[in-house]
Protein backbone atom coordinates (compact mmCIF):
# COMPACT_ATOMS: atom_id res chain seq x y z
CA UNK A 1 0.00 0.00 0.00
CA UNK A 2 1.34 3.41 -0.94
CA UNK A 3 1.68 6.13 1.66
CA UNK A 4 -0.88 8.32 -0.14
CA UNK A 5 -3.45 5.56 -0.08
CA UNK A 6 -2.74 4.94 3.59
CA UNK A 7 -3.14 8.63 4.49
CA UNK A 8 -6.39 8.92 2.55
CA UNK A 9 -7.84 5.83 4.27
CA UNK A 10 -6.85 7.15 7.70
CA UNK A 11 -8.34 10.56 6.85
CA UNK A 12 -11.57 8.91 5.70
CA UNK A 13 -11.95 6.85 8.88
CA UNK A 14 -11.01 9.77 11.14
CA UNK A 15 -13.48 12.04 9.32
CA UNK A 16 -16.21 9.45 9.82
CA UNK A 17 -15.44 9.40 13.55
CA UNK A 18 -15.42 13.22 13.57
CA UNK A 19 -18.81 13.44 11.86
CA UNK A 20 -20.44 10.81 14.11
CA UNK A 21 -18.90 12.32 17.23
CA UNK A 22 -19.92 15.82 16.22
CA UNK A 23 -23.47 14.71 15.48
CA UNK A 24 -23.98 12.94 18.79
CA UNK A 25 -22.24 15.61 20.88
CA UNK A 26 -23.99 18.55 19.24
CA UNK A 27 -27.39 16.87 19.42
CA UNK A 28 -27.05 16.80 23.21
CA UNK A 29 -26.07 20.49 23.25
CA UNK A 30 -28.58 21.92 20.79
CA UNK A 31 -31.63 23.75 22.13
CA UNK A 32 -35.01 22.56 20.85
CA UNK A 33 -34.94 25.16 18.08
CA UNK A 34 -31.54 25.74 16.46
CA UNK A 35 -30.64 28.93 14.59
CA UNK A 36 -29.36 27.92 11.16
CA UNK A 37 -29.58 31.11 9.06
CA UNK A 38 -28.22 34.48 10.07
CA UNK A 39 -28.59 38.02 8.74
CA UNK A 40 -25.71 40.31 7.81
CA UNK A 41 -25.77 41.73 11.32
CA UNK A 42 -25.32 38.24 12.81
CA UNK A 43 -28.85 37.83 14.18
CA UNK A 44 -30.65 34.54 13.67
CA UNK A 45 -33.35 34.56 11.01
CA UNK A 46 -34.31 30.90 10.55
CA UNK A 47 -34.75 28.22 13.17
CA UNK A 48 -34.99 24.46 12.69
CA UNK A 49 -35.73 21.78 15.28
CA UNK A 50 -32.77 19.74 16.44
CA UNK A 51 -34.48 16.53 15.32
CA UNK A 52 -34.65 17.83 11.75
CA UNK A 53 -30.96 18.71 11.85
CA UNK A 54 -30.15 15.25 13.18
CA UNK A 55 -32.08 13.46 10.43
CA UNK A 56 -30.74 15.71 7.66
CA UNK A 57 -27.13 15.27 8.77
CA UNK A 58 -27.59 11.53 9.30
CA UNK A 59 -29.09 11.23 5.81
CA UNK A 60 -26.18 13.14 4.30
CA UNK A 61 -23.75 11.01 6.26
CA UNK A 62 -25.32 7.76 5.05
CA UNK A 63 -25.49 8.89 1.42
CA UNK A 64 -21.91 10.09 1.60
CA UNK A 65 -20.42 7.06 3.32
CA UNK A 66 -22.54 4.31 1.80
CA UNK A 67 -23.50 5.40 -1.70
CA UNK A 68 -20.34 7.26 -2.66
CA UNK A 69 -18.10 4.66 -1.02
CA UNK A 70 -19.98 1.96 -2.93
CA UNK A 71 -19.14 3.88 -6.09
CA UNK A 72 -15.44 3.48 -5.23
CA UNK A 73 -15.89 -0.29 -5.11
CA UNK A 74 -17.30 -0.25 -8.63
CA UNK A 75 -14.22 1.41 -10.18
CA UNK A 76 -12.30 -1.84 -10.82
CA UNK A 77 -15.36 -3.37 -12.51
CA UNK A 78 -15.94 -0.55 -15.00
CA UNK A 79 -14.16 -0.98 -18.31
CA UNK A 80 -11.52 1.66 -19.06
CA UNK A 81 -13.38 2.81 -22.19
CA UNK A 82 -16.31 3.93 -20.04
CA UNK A 83 -14.26 6.04 -17.62
CA UNK A 84 -14.13 9.81 -18.22
CA UNK A 85 -10.35 10.03 -18.63
CA UNK A 86 -8.00 11.03 -21.43
CA UNK A 87 -5.46 8.59 -22.93
CA UNK A 88 -7.67 5.60 -22.19
CA UNK A 89 -5.50 3.12 -24.10
CA UNK A 90 -2.39 3.97 -22.10
CA UNK A 91 -4.29 3.89 -18.80
CA UNK A 92 -5.80 0.52 -19.74
CA UNK A 93 -2.28 -0.93 -19.65
CA UNK A 94 -1.79 0.43 -16.11
CA UNK A 95 -5.17 -0.44 -14.68
CA UNK A 96 -3.95 -1.00 -11.09
CA UNK A 97 -2.54 2.52 -10.89
CA UNK A 98 -5.69 3.96 -12.44
CA UNK A 99 -7.91 2.08 -9.99
CA UNK A 100 -5.85 3.27 -7.05
CA UNK A 101 -5.96 6.90 -8.14
CA UNK A 102 -9.70 6.90 -8.84
CA UNK A 103 -10.55 5.11 -5.60
CA UNK A 104 -8.32 7.49 -3.63
CA UNK A 105 -10.05 10.44 -5.27
CA UNK A 106 -13.52 9.14 -4.37
CA UNK A 107 -12.41 8.51 -0.79
CA UNK A 108 -11.02 12.06 -0.65
CA UNK A 109 -14.45 13.36 -1.65
CA UNK A 110 -16.06 11.30 1.12
CA UNK A 111 -13.49 12.41 3.71
CA UNK A 112 -13.73 16.09 2.82
CA UNK A 113 -17.55 16.05 3.05
CA UNK A 114 -17.34 14.33 6.45
CA UNK A 115 -14.71 16.81 7.67
CA UNK A 116 -16.69 19.89 6.66
CA UNK A 117 -19.88 18.38 8.08
CA UNK A 118 -18.21 17.68 11.44
CA UNK A 119 -16.65 21.13 11.77
CA UNK A 120 -19.91 22.77 10.67
CA UNK A 121 -21.80 20.93 13.39
CA UNK A 122 -19.27 22.05 16.02
CA UNK A 123 -19.56 25.64 14.80
CA UNK A 124 -23.37 25.51 14.80
CA UNK A 125 -23.41 24.09 18.32
CA UNK A 126 -21.03 26.77 19.57
CA UNK A 127 -23.04 29.58 17.97
CA UNK A 128 -26.29 28.27 19.47
CA UNK A 129 -24.74 27.71 22.90
CA UNK A 130 -25.52 30.09 25.73
CA UNK A 131 -22.22 29.17 27.39
CA UNK A 132 -20.00 30.70 24.68
CA UNK A 133 -20.35 34.24 23.43
CA UNK A 134 -19.04 33.68 19.94
CA UNK A 135 -20.49 35.35 16.90
CA UNK A 136 -21.46 33.64 13.67
CA UNK A 137 -18.64 35.54 11.96
CA UNK A 138 -16.06 33.86 14.20
CA UNK A 139 -16.64 30.67 12.23
CA UNK A 140 -16.05 31.97 8.72
CA UNK A 141 -12.99 29.71 8.62
CA UNK A 142 -15.33 26.72 8.16
CA UNK A 143 -16.35 28.17 4.79
CA UNK A 144 -12.72 28.61 3.76
CA UNK A 145 -11.88 25.11 4.96
CA UNK A 146 -14.69 23.69 2.83
CA UNK A 147 -13.64 25.77 -0.16
CA UNK A 148 -10.01 24.69 0.22
CA UNK A 149 -10.92 21.02 0.51
CA UNK A 150 -13.21 21.28 -2.49
CA UNK A 151 -10.45 22.86 -4.59
CA UNK A 152 -7.98 20.21 -3.43
CA UNK A 153 -10.36 17.36 -4.18
CA UNK A 154 -11.19 18.63 -7.64
CA UNK A 155 -7.53 19.21 -8.50
CA UNK A 156 -6.56 15.62 -7.63
CA UNK A 157 -7.93 14.12 -10.90
CA UNK A 158 -5.50 16.32 -12.84
CA UNK A 159 -2.96 13.56 -12.14
CA UNK A 160 -4.82 11.48 -14.71
CA UNK A 161 -3.73 13.86 -17.49
CA UNK A 162 -0.20 12.46 -17.19
CA UNK A 163 0.35 8.85 -18.02
CA UNK A 164 1.90 6.60 -15.39
CA UNK A 165 5.65 6.13 -15.32
CA UNK A 166 6.73 2.58 -16.12
CA UNK A 167 8.38 0.74 -13.23
CA UNK A 168 11.70 0.34 -15.07
CA UNK A 169 12.10 4.14 -15.38
CA UNK A 170 11.75 4.68 -11.64
C-alpha atoms as a PDB file:
ATOM      1  CA  UNK A   1       0.000   0.000   0.000  1.00  0.00           C
ATOM      2  CA  UNK A   2       1.340   3.406  -0.941  1.00  0.00           C
ATOM      3  CA  UNK A   3       1.685   6.129   1.657  1.00  0.00           C
ATOM      4  CA  UNK A   4      -0.883   8.319  -0.145  1.00  0.00           C
ATOM      5  CA  UNK A   5      -3.454   5.560  -0.079  1.00  0.00           C
ATOM      6  CA  UNK A   6      -2.740   4.936   3.593  1.00  0.00           C
ATOM      7  CA  UNK A   7      -3.136   8.631   4.494  1.00  0.00           C
ATOM      8  CA  UNK A   8      -6.391   8.922   2.553  1.00  0.00           C
ATOM      9  CA  UNK A   9      -7.843   5.833   4.267  1.00  0.00           C
ATOM     10  CA  UNK A  10      -6.850   7.151   7.696  1.00  0.00           C
ATOM     11  CA  UNK A  11      -8.341  10.563   6.852  1.00  0.00           C
ATOM     12  CA  UNK A  12     -11.570   8.910   5.701  1.00  0.00           C
ATOM     13  CA  UNK A  13     -11.945   6.848   8.883  1.00  0.00           C
ATOM     14  CA  UNK A  14     -11.014   9.771  11.141  1.00  0.00           C
ATOM     15  CA  UNK A  15     -13.480  12.043   9.316  1.00  0.00           C
ATOM     16  CA  UNK A  16     -16.215   9.446   9.825  1.00  0.00           C
ATOM     17  CA  UNK A  17     -15.443   9.399  13.547  1.00  0.00           C
ATOM     18  CA  UNK A  18     -15.422  13.217  13.566  1.00  0.00           C
ATOM     19  CA  UNK A  19     -18.814  13.437  11.857  1.00  0.00           C
ATOM     20  CA  UNK A  20     -20.441  10.812  14.109  1.00  0.00           C
ATOM     21  CA  UNK A  21     -18.897  12.320  17.235  1.00  0.00           C
ATOM     22  CA  UNK A  22     -19.921  15.822  16.224  1.00  0.00           C
ATOM     23  CA  UNK A  23     -23.466  14.708  15.478  1.00  0.00           C
ATOM     24  CA  UNK A  24     -23.981  12.942  18.789  1.00  0.00           C
ATOM     25  CA  UNK A  25     -22.235  15.606  20.877  1.00  0.00           C
ATOM     26  CA  UNK A  26     -23.988  18.547  19.241  1.00  0.00           C
ATOM     27  CA  UNK A  27     -27.389  16.868  19.423  1.00  0.00           C
ATOM     28  CA  UNK A  28     -27.053  16.799  23.206  1.00  0.00           C
ATOM     29  CA  UNK A  29     -26.071  20.492  23.248  1.00  0.00           C
ATOM     30  CA  UNK A  30     -28.579  21.919  20.794  1.00  0.00           C
ATOM     31  CA  UNK A  31     -31.625  23.748  22.133  1.00  0.00           C
ATOM     32  CA  UNK A  32     -35.006  22.556  20.855  1.00  0.00           C
ATOM     33  CA  UNK A  33     -34.940  25.160  18.079  1.00  0.00           C
ATOM     34  CA  UNK A  34     -31.540  25.739  16.464  1.00  0.00           C
ATOM     35  CA  UNK A  35     -30.639  28.926  14.586  1.00  0.00           C
ATOM     36  CA  UNK A  36     -29.362  27.925  11.158  1.00  0.00           C
ATOM     37  CA  UNK A  37     -29.582  31.108   9.061  1.00  0.00           C
ATOM     38  CA  UNK A  38     -28.218  34.479  10.069  1.00  0.00           C
ATOM     39  CA  UNK A  39     -28.592  38.023   8.736  1.00  0.00           C
ATOM     40  CA  UNK A  40     -25.709  40.313   7.810  1.00  0.00           C
ATOM     41  CA  UNK A  41     -25.774  41.730  11.319  1.00  0.00           C
ATOM     42  CA  UNK A  42     -25.316  38.240  12.806  1.00  0.00           C
ATOM     43  CA  UNK A  43     -28.847  37.827  14.181  1.00  0.00           C
ATOM     44  CA  UNK A  44     -30.649  34.540  13.672  1.00  0.00           C
ATOM     45  CA  UNK A  45     -33.350  34.562  11.015  1.00  0.00           C
ATOM     46  CA  UNK A  46     -34.309  30.900  10.548  1.00  0.00           C
ATOM     47  CA  UNK A  47     -34.745  28.216  13.166  1.00  0.00           C
ATOM     48  CA  UNK A  48     -34.988  24.461  12.690  1.00  0.00           C
ATOM     49  CA  UNK A  49     -35.728  21.776  15.282  1.00  0.00           C
ATOM     50  CA  UNK A  50     -32.767  19.738  16.444  1.00  0.00           C
ATOM     51  CA  UNK A  51     -34.476  16.535  15.321  1.00  0.00           C
ATOM     52  CA  UNK A  52     -34.649  17.829  11.754  1.00  0.00           C
ATOM     53  CA  UNK A  53     -30.959  18.713  11.848  1.00  0.00           C
ATOM     54  CA  UNK A  54     -30.154  15.247  13.184  1.00  0.00           C
ATOM     55  CA  UNK A  55     -32.077  13.460  10.432  1.00  0.00           C
ATOM     56  CA  UNK A  56     -30.744  15.711   7.661  1.00  0.00           C
ATOM     57  CA  UNK A  57     -27.130  15.267   8.771  1.00  0.00           C
ATOM     58  CA  UNK A  58     -27.592  11.529   9.299  1.00  0.00           C
ATOM     59  CA  UNK A  59     -29.089  11.229   5.808  1.00  0.00           C
ATOM     60  CA  UNK A  60     -26.177  13.144   4.299  1.00  0.00           C
ATOM     61  CA  UNK A  61     -23.745  11.008   6.263  1.00  0.00           C
ATOM     62  CA  UNK A  62     -25.325   7.761   5.048  1.00  0.00           C
ATOM     63  CA  UNK A  63     -25.492   8.894   1.419  1.00  0.00           C
ATOM     64  CA  UNK A  64     -21.905  10.092   1.605  1.00  0.00           C
ATOM     65  CA  UNK A  65     -20.424   7.064   3.318  1.00  0.00           C
ATOM     66  CA  UNK A  66     -22.541   4.310   1.800  1.00  0.00           C
ATOM     67  CA  UNK A  67     -23.498   5.396  -1.703  1.00  0.00           C
ATOM     68  CA  UNK A  68     -20.338   7.265  -2.664  1.00  0.00           C
ATOM     69  CA  UNK A  69     -18.097   4.664  -1.022  1.00  0.00           C
ATOM     70  CA  UNK A  70     -19.982   1.963  -2.927  1.00  0.00           C
ATOM     71  CA  UNK A  71     -19.144   3.877  -6.091  1.00  0.00           C
ATOM     72  CA  UNK A  72     -15.442   3.478  -5.233  1.00  0.00           C
ATOM     73  CA  UNK A  73     -15.886  -0.294  -5.106  1.00  0.00           C
ATOM     74  CA  UNK A  74     -17.300  -0.254  -8.629  1.00  0.00           C
ATOM     75  CA  UNK A  75     -14.225   1.412 -10.179  1.00  0.00           C
ATOM     76  CA  UNK A  76     -12.303  -1.844 -10.825  1.00  0.00           C
ATOM     77  CA  UNK A  77     -15.359  -3.367 -12.505  1.00  0.00           C
ATOM     78  CA  UNK A  78     -15.944  -0.548 -15.000  1.00  0.00           C
ATOM     79  CA  UNK A  79     -14.156  -0.983 -18.309  1.00  0.00           C
ATOM     80  CA  UNK A  80     -11.525   1.664 -19.058  1.00  0.00           C
ATOM     81  CA  UNK A  81     -13.381   2.815 -22.194  1.00  0.00           C
ATOM     82  CA  UNK A  82     -16.310   3.934 -20.041  1.00  0.00           C
ATOM     83  CA  UNK A  83     -14.257   6.041 -17.619  1.00  0.00           C
ATOM     84  CA  UNK A  84     -14.133   9.810 -18.215  1.00  0.00           C
ATOM     85  CA  UNK A  85     -10.347  10.028 -18.626  1.00  0.00           C
ATOM     86  CA  UNK A  86      -8.000  11.027 -21.427  1.00  0.00           C
ATOM     87  CA  UNK A  87      -5.463   8.592 -22.931  1.00  0.00           C
ATOM     88  CA  UNK A  88      -7.666   5.604 -22.189  1.00  0.00           C
ATOM     89  CA  UNK A  89      -5.497   3.117 -24.100  1.00  0.00           C
ATOM     90  CA  UNK A  90      -2.387   3.967 -22.096  1.00  0.00           C
ATOM     91  CA  UNK A  91      -4.286   3.893 -18.799  1.00  0.00           C
ATOM     92  CA  UNK A  92      -5.800   0.516 -19.739  1.00  0.00           C
ATOM     93  CA  UNK A  93      -2.281  -0.932 -19.654  1.00  0.00           C
ATOM     94  CA  UNK A  94      -1.786   0.434 -16.109  1.00  0.00           C
ATOM     95  CA  UNK A  95      -5.170  -0.441 -14.678  1.00  0.00           C
ATOM     96  CA  UNK A  96      -3.955  -1.004 -11.092  1.00  0.00           C
ATOM     97  CA  UNK A  97      -2.535   2.516 -10.890  1.00  0.00           C
ATOM     98  CA  UNK A  98      -5.690   3.961 -12.445  1.00  0.00           C
ATOM     99  CA  UNK A  99      -7.912   2.081  -9.988  1.00  0.00           C
ATOM    100  CA  UNK A 100      -5.845   3.267  -7.046  1.00  0.00           C
ATOM    101  CA  UNK A 101      -5.959   6.902  -8.139  1.00  0.00           C
ATOM    102  CA  UNK A 102      -9.699   6.898  -8.841  1.00  0.00           C
ATOM    103  CA  UNK A 103     -10.554   5.110  -5.600  1.00  0.00           C
ATOM    104  CA  UNK A 104      -8.316   7.485  -3.629  1.00  0.00           C
ATOM    105  CA  UNK A 105     -10.047  10.440  -5.272  1.00  0.00           C
ATOM    106  CA  UNK A 106     -13.519   9.145  -4.374  1.00  0.00           C
ATOM    107  CA  UNK A 107     -12.411   8.505  -0.793  1.00  0.00           C
ATOM    108  CA  UNK A 108     -11.020  12.061  -0.653  1.00  0.00           C
ATOM    109  CA  UNK A 109     -14.447  13.363  -1.655  1.00  0.00           C
ATOM    110  CA  UNK A 110     -16.056  11.303   1.121  1.00  0.00           C
ATOM    111  CA  UNK A 111     -13.489  12.408   3.713  1.00  0.00           C
ATOM    112  CA  UNK A 112     -13.733  16.089   2.821  1.00  0.00           C
ATOM    113  CA  UNK A 113     -17.547  16.045   3.052  1.00  0.00           C
ATOM    114  CA  UNK A 114     -17.337  14.332   6.447  1.00  0.00           C
ATOM    115  CA  UNK A 115     -14.712  16.806   7.667  1.00  0.00           C
ATOM    116  CA  UNK A 116     -16.690  19.886   6.665  1.00  0.00           C
ATOM    117  CA  UNK A 117     -19.878  18.377   8.081  1.00  0.00           C
ATOM    118  CA  UNK A 118     -18.213  17.678  11.437  1.00  0.00           C
ATOM    119  CA  UNK A 119     -16.655  21.134  11.768  1.00  0.00           C
ATOM    120  CA  UNK A 120     -19.911  22.771  10.669  1.00  0.00           C
ATOM    121  CA  UNK A 121     -21.804  20.929  13.392  1.00  0.00           C
ATOM    122  CA  UNK A 122     -19.269  22.045  16.021  1.00  0.00           C
ATOM    123  CA  UNK A 123     -19.556  25.644  14.796  1.00  0.00           C
ATOM    124  CA  UNK A 124     -23.366  25.509  14.800  1.00  0.00           C
ATOM    125  CA  UNK A 125     -23.409  24.091  18.321  1.00  0.00           C
ATOM    126  CA  UNK A 126     -21.034  26.771  19.571  1.00  0.00           C
ATOM    127  CA  UNK A 127     -23.039  29.577  17.970  1.00  0.00           C
ATOM    128  CA  UNK A 128     -26.288  28.271  19.473  1.00  0.00           C
ATOM    129  CA  UNK A 129     -24.735  27.706  22.897  1.00  0.00           C
ATOM    130  CA  UNK A 130     -25.516  30.094  25.727  1.00  0.00           C
ATOM    131  CA  UNK A 131     -22.218  29.174  27.392  1.00  0.00           C
ATOM    132  CA  UNK A 132     -20.003  30.695  24.683  1.00  0.00           C
ATOM    133  CA  UNK A 133     -20.351  34.240  23.427  1.00  0.00           C
ATOM    134  CA  UNK A 134     -19.038  33.683  19.943  1.00  0.00           C
ATOM    135  CA  UNK A 135     -20.488  35.349  16.901  1.00  0.00           C
ATOM    136  CA  UNK A 136     -21.459  33.637  13.670  1.00  0.00           C
ATOM    137  CA  UNK A 137     -18.645  35.544  11.956  1.00  0.00           C
ATOM    138  CA  UNK A 138     -16.063  33.857  14.202  1.00  0.00           C
ATOM    139  CA  UNK A 139     -16.643  30.673  12.227  1.00  0.00           C
ATOM    140  CA  UNK A 140     -16.049  31.975   8.719  1.00  0.00           C
ATOM    141  CA  UNK A 141     -12.994  29.709   8.619  1.00  0.00           C
ATOM    142  CA  UNK A 142     -15.328  26.721   8.156  1.00  0.00           C
ATOM    143  CA  UNK A 143     -16.355  28.171   4.788  1.00  0.00           C
ATOM    144  CA  UNK A 144     -12.724  28.609   3.763  1.00  0.00           C
ATOM    145  CA  UNK A 145     -11.876  25.109   4.957  1.00  0.00           C
ATOM    146  CA  UNK A 146     -14.686  23.686   2.830  1.00  0.00           C
ATOM    147  CA  UNK A 147     -13.641  25.772  -0.157  1.00  0.00           C
ATOM    148  CA  UNK A 148     -10.008  24.693   0.221  1.00  0.00           C
ATOM    149  CA  UNK A 149     -10.924  21.025   0.513  1.00  0.00           C
ATOM    150  CA  UNK A 150     -13.215  21.281  -2.491  1.00  0.00           C
ATOM    151  CA  UNK A 151     -10.453  22.861  -4.586  1.00  0.00           C
ATOM    152  CA  UNK A 152      -7.984  20.212  -3.431  1.00  0.00           C
ATOM    153  CA  UNK A 153     -10.361  17.365  -4.179  1.00  0.00           C
ATOM    154  CA  UNK A 154     -11.191  18.630  -7.642  1.00  0.00           C
ATOM    155  CA  UNK A 155      -7.532  19.211  -8.504  1.00  0.00           C
ATOM    156  CA  UNK A 156      -6.558  15.624  -7.631  1.00  0.00           C
ATOM    157  CA  UNK A 157      -7.932  14.121 -10.896  1.00  0.00           C
ATOM    158  CA  UNK A 158      -5.500  16.315 -12.836  1.00  0.00           C
ATOM    159  CA  UNK A 159      -2.959  13.555 -12.138  1.00  0.00           C
ATOM    160  CA  UNK A 160      -4.817  11.479 -14.714  1.00  0.00           C
ATOM    161  CA  UNK A 161      -3.731  13.856 -17.491  1.00  0.00           C
ATOM    162  CA  UNK A 162      -0.203  12.460 -17.185  1.00  0.00           C
ATOM    163  CA  UNK A 163       0.351   8.850 -18.020  1.00  0.00           C
ATOM    164  CA  UNK A 164       1.897   6.604 -15.387  1.00  0.00           C
ATOM    165  CA  UNK A 165       5.650   6.133 -15.317  1.00  0.00           C
ATOM    166  CA  UNK A 166       6.729   2.580 -16.117  1.00  0.00           C
ATOM    167  CA  UNK A 167       8.384   0.739 -13.227  1.00  0.00           C
ATOM    168  CA  UNK A 168      11.700   0.339 -15.067  1.00  0.00           C
ATOM    169  CA  UNK A 169      12.100   4.140 -15.381  1.00  0.00           C
ATOM    170  CA  UNK A 170      11.746   4.684 -11.642  1.00  0.00           C
END
